[in-house]
């Protein structure tokens, strides 16, 4: 769940980054909730468990859903494992875990 300042409480209007299915076997749908088209230079970046850069997923703030095929920056299929998807824009930084199962 989305939390604020480390609490389990959800606040109205708080941005959310939703990933499904999670765990996944293939394609992923990323939904941005509570994030409007005024985002300044949004970036959606995938990192592996060691914090290494995997790829950047193009973001169009006016789209509520973003589709990603689970590949790295060279187009190669990611191996099974735990990954982190991070949305950043100005003061907003949201990170979510993603589990890929092959």
Protein backbone atom coordinates (compact mmCIF):
# COMPACT_ATOMS: atom_id res chain seq x y z
CA UNK A 1 0.00 0.00 0.00
CA UNK A 2 0.98 3.60 -0.45
CA UNK A 3 2.05 5.18 2.80
CA UNK A 4 3.01 8.62 4.00
CA UNK A 5 5.98 9.24 6.29
CA UNK A 6 6.35 5.55 7.05
CA UNK A 7 2.83 5.11 8.42
CA UNK A 8 0.21 2.72 7.12
CA UNK A 9 -2.22 5.59 6.73
CA UNK A 10 -3.29 6.54 3.22
CA UNK A 11 -3.89 10.19 2.51
CA UNK A 12 -6.43 11.51 0.05
CA UNK A 13 -4.80 12.86 -3.09
CA UNK A 14 -1.50 11.12 -2.41
CA UNK A 15 0.14 9.91 -5.65
CA UNK A 16 0.29 6.16 -6.24
CA UNK A 17 2.31 3.89 -8.50
CA UNK A 18 0.48 0.58 -9.06
CA UNK A 19 2.08 -2.42 -10.78
CA UNK A 20 0.16 -5.45 -12.01
CA UNK A 21 0.39 -8.30 -12.17
CA UNK A 22 2.94 -8.60 -9.41
CA UNK A 23 4.55 -11.14 -9.38
CA UNK A 24 4.58 -11.32 -13.17
CA UNK A 25 5.53 -13.81 -15.85
CA UNK A 26 5.70 -11.24 -18.66
CA UNK A 27 4.08 -7.94 -19.60
CA UNK A 28 3.40 -5.40 -16.86
CA UNK A 29 0.85 -2.62 -16.55
CA UNK A 30 1.95 0.39 -14.52
CA UNK A 31 -0.78 2.75 -13.38
CA UNK A 32 -0.19 6.25 -12.12
CA UNK A 33 -2.93 7.42 -9.77
CA UNK A 34 -3.23 10.90 -8.33
CA UNK A 35 -0.50 12.13 -10.65
CA UNK A 36 -1.60 14.81 -13.06
CA UNK A 37 -0.33 16.06 -16.39
CA UNK A 38 1.60 18.84 -14.64
CA UNK A 39 4.38 16.46 -13.67
CA UNK A 40 7.74 18.06 -14.37
CA UNK A 41 9.95 15.71 -16.39
CA UNK A 42 8.65 12.43 -14.96
CA UNK A 43 11.07 9.47 -15.02
CA UNK A 44 10.18 5.83 -14.50
CA UNK A 45 13.37 3.82 -13.97
CA UNK A 46 13.88 0.11 -13.25
CA UNK A 47 16.71 -1.10 -10.99
CA UNK A 48 17.76 -4.60 -9.97
CA UNK A 49 18.16 -5.76 -6.37
CA UNK A 50 21.76 -4.48 -6.26
CA UNK A 51 20.59 -1.00 -7.35
CA UNK A 52 21.99 -1.28 -10.89
CA UNK A 53 20.18 0.62 -13.64
CA UNK A 54 18.16 -1.71 -15.90
CA UNK A 55 16.16 0.64 -18.11
CA UNK A 56 13.97 3.72 -18.27
CA UNK A 57 10.32 3.31 -19.20
CA UNK A 58 8.93 6.24 -21.24
CA UNK A 59 6.27 8.21 -19.33
CA UNK A 60 3.53 10.33 -20.84
CA UNK A 61 1.82 11.98 -17.84
CA UNK A 62 -1.51 12.21 -19.63
CA UNK A 63 -1.69 8.40 -19.85
CA UNK A 64 -3.13 6.61 -16.83
CA UNK A 65 -1.55 3.28 -17.86
CA UNK A 66 1.91 2.44 -19.08
CA UNK A 67 2.70 -0.93 -20.61
CA UNK A 68 6.16 -2.49 -20.22
CA UNK A 69 7.33 -5.78 -21.69
CA UNK A 70 9.82 -6.59 -18.92
CA UNK A 71 12.95 -6.01 -20.98
CA UNK A 72 16.17 -4.14 -20.24
CA UNK A 73 17.60 -1.15 -22.11
CA UNK A 74 18.98 -3.43 -24.85
CA UNK A 75 15.66 -5.26 -25.37
CA UNK A 76 16.76 -8.41 -23.56
CA UNK A 77 14.31 -10.29 -21.36
CA UNK A 78 14.98 -9.76 -17.66
CA UNK A 79 15.79 -12.86 -15.65
CA UNK A 80 13.71 -13.99 -12.72
CA UNK A 81 14.23 -11.82 -9.67
CA UNK A 82 13.29 -8.81 -7.59
CA UNK A 83 13.34 -5.38 -9.22
CA UNK A 84 12.43 -1.84 -8.20
CA UNK A 85 10.44 0.59 -10.31
CA UNK A 86 10.96 4.21 -9.34
CA UNK A 87 8.88 7.20 -10.42
CA UNK A 88 10.49 10.59 -9.85
CA UNK A 89 9.33 14.07 -10.72
CA UNK A 90 10.34 17.14 -8.78
CA UNK A 91 9.67 16.42 -5.09
CA UNK A 92 7.74 13.22 -5.85
CA UNK A 93 9.66 9.95 -5.56
CA UNK A 94 7.76 6.66 -5.41
CA UNK A 95 9.44 3.24 -5.49
CA UNK A 96 7.67 -0.11 -5.82
CA UNK A 97 8.93 -3.70 -5.82
CA UNK A 98 8.35 -5.98 -8.78
CA UNK A 99 8.89 -9.74 -8.80
CA UNK A 100 9.56 -11.44 -12.13
CA UNK A 101 9.02 -15.19 -12.23
CA UNK A 102 10.19 -17.24 -15.25
